[in-house]
Amino acid sequence: MLTTKQFTSDYETVEKAIQFIENNHDKQPSLSKIADSVNLSEFHFQKLFSRWVGISPKRYLQYLTKE
């Protein structure tokens, strides 16, 4: 079970990642670049993002690109 502190930290990490993706979607950043922007490994970032957003970072980037 997550503590309130961890929950808040995870939320802020995902929020920063979404902002990075939205600000850089025209450059099609790699998973590695996005994970680096929030100081996580690709593996941990992918799991965290998917858990919070419900889709993978790549799928989210594809959605923004189509808009």
Protein backbone atom coordinates (compact mmCIF):
# COMPACT_ATOMS: atom_id res chain seq x y z
CA MET A 1 0.00 0.00 0.00
CA LEU A 2 1.28 3.46 -0.89
CA THR A 3 1.85 6.07 1.76
CA THR A 4 0.45 9.56 1.23
CA LYS A 5 3.97 10.82 0.59
CA GLN A 6 4.66 8.15 -2.06
CA PHE A 7 1.24 8.73 -3.65
CA THR A 8 1.97 12.45 -3.94
CA SER A 9 5.45 11.81 -5.29
CA ASP A 10 4.14 9.39 -7.94
CA TYR A 11 1.43 11.87 -8.94
CA GLU A 12 3.97 14.67 -9.32
CA THR A 13 6.28 12.43 -11.35
CA VAL A 14 3.51 11.47 -13.77
CA GLU A 15 2.39 15.09 -13.99
CA LYS A 16 5.93 16.18 -14.93
CA ALA A 17 6.16 13.40 -17.51
CA ILE A 18 2.86 14.41 -19.10
CA GLN A 19 4.03 18.01 -19.29
CA PHE A 20 7.30 16.88 -20.89
CA ILE A 21 5.44 14.74 -23.44
CA GLU A 22 2.98 17.52 -24.28
CA ASN A 23 5.76 20.10 -24.65
CA ASN A 24 7.89 17.81 -26.83
CA HIS A 25 5.38 15.66 -28.72
CA ASP A 26 6.42 17.24 -32.03
CA LYS A 27 9.94 15.84 -31.46
CA GLN A 28 8.59 12.33 -30.71
CA PRO A 29 10.76 11.78 -27.61
CA SER A 30 11.81 8.21 -26.88
CA LEU A 31 10.78 6.37 -23.75
CA SER A 32 14.34 6.84 -22.55
CA LYS A 33 14.18 10.64 -22.94
CA ILE A 34 10.84 10.85 -21.16
CA ALA A 35 12.05 8.60 -18.31
CA ASP A 36 15.23 10.67 -18.01
CA SER A 37 13.13 13.83 -17.68
CA VAL A 38 11.66 12.45 -14.44
CA ASN A 39 14.81 10.66 -13.25
CA LEU A 40 13.48 7.11 -13.54
CA SER A 41 14.61 4.02 -15.41
CA GLU A 42 12.58 3.18 -18.49
CA PHE A 43 11.19 0.09 -16.76
CA HIS A 44 9.98 1.90 -13.64
CA PHE A 45 8.69 4.88 -15.59
CA GLN A 46 6.67 2.68 -17.98
CA LYS A 47 5.06 0.83 -15.06
CA LEU A 48 4.31 4.01 -13.10
CA PHE A 49 2.90 5.91 -16.09
CA SER A 50 0.73 3.01 -17.23
CA ARG A 51 -0.61 2.49 -13.71
CA TRP A 52 -1.59 6.14 -13.32
CA VAL A 53 -2.72 7.04 -16.84
CA GLY A 54 -4.13 3.70 -17.92
CA ILE A 55 -2.18 3.61 -21.19
CA SER A 56 1.49 3.40 -22.07
CA PRO A 57 3.59 6.53 -22.61
CA LYS A 58 3.94 5.55 -26.28
CA ARG A 59 0.16 5.29 -26.69
CA TYR A 60 -0.27 8.69 -25.00
CA LEU A 61 2.31 10.21 -27.35
CA GLN A 62 0.49 8.69 -30.34
CA TYR A 63 -2.78 10.22 -29.11
CA LEU A 64 -1.19 13.69 -28.89
CA THR A 65 0.38 13.32 -32.32
CA LYS A 66 -2.98 12.55 -33.92
CA GLU A 67 -4.62 15.62 -32.34
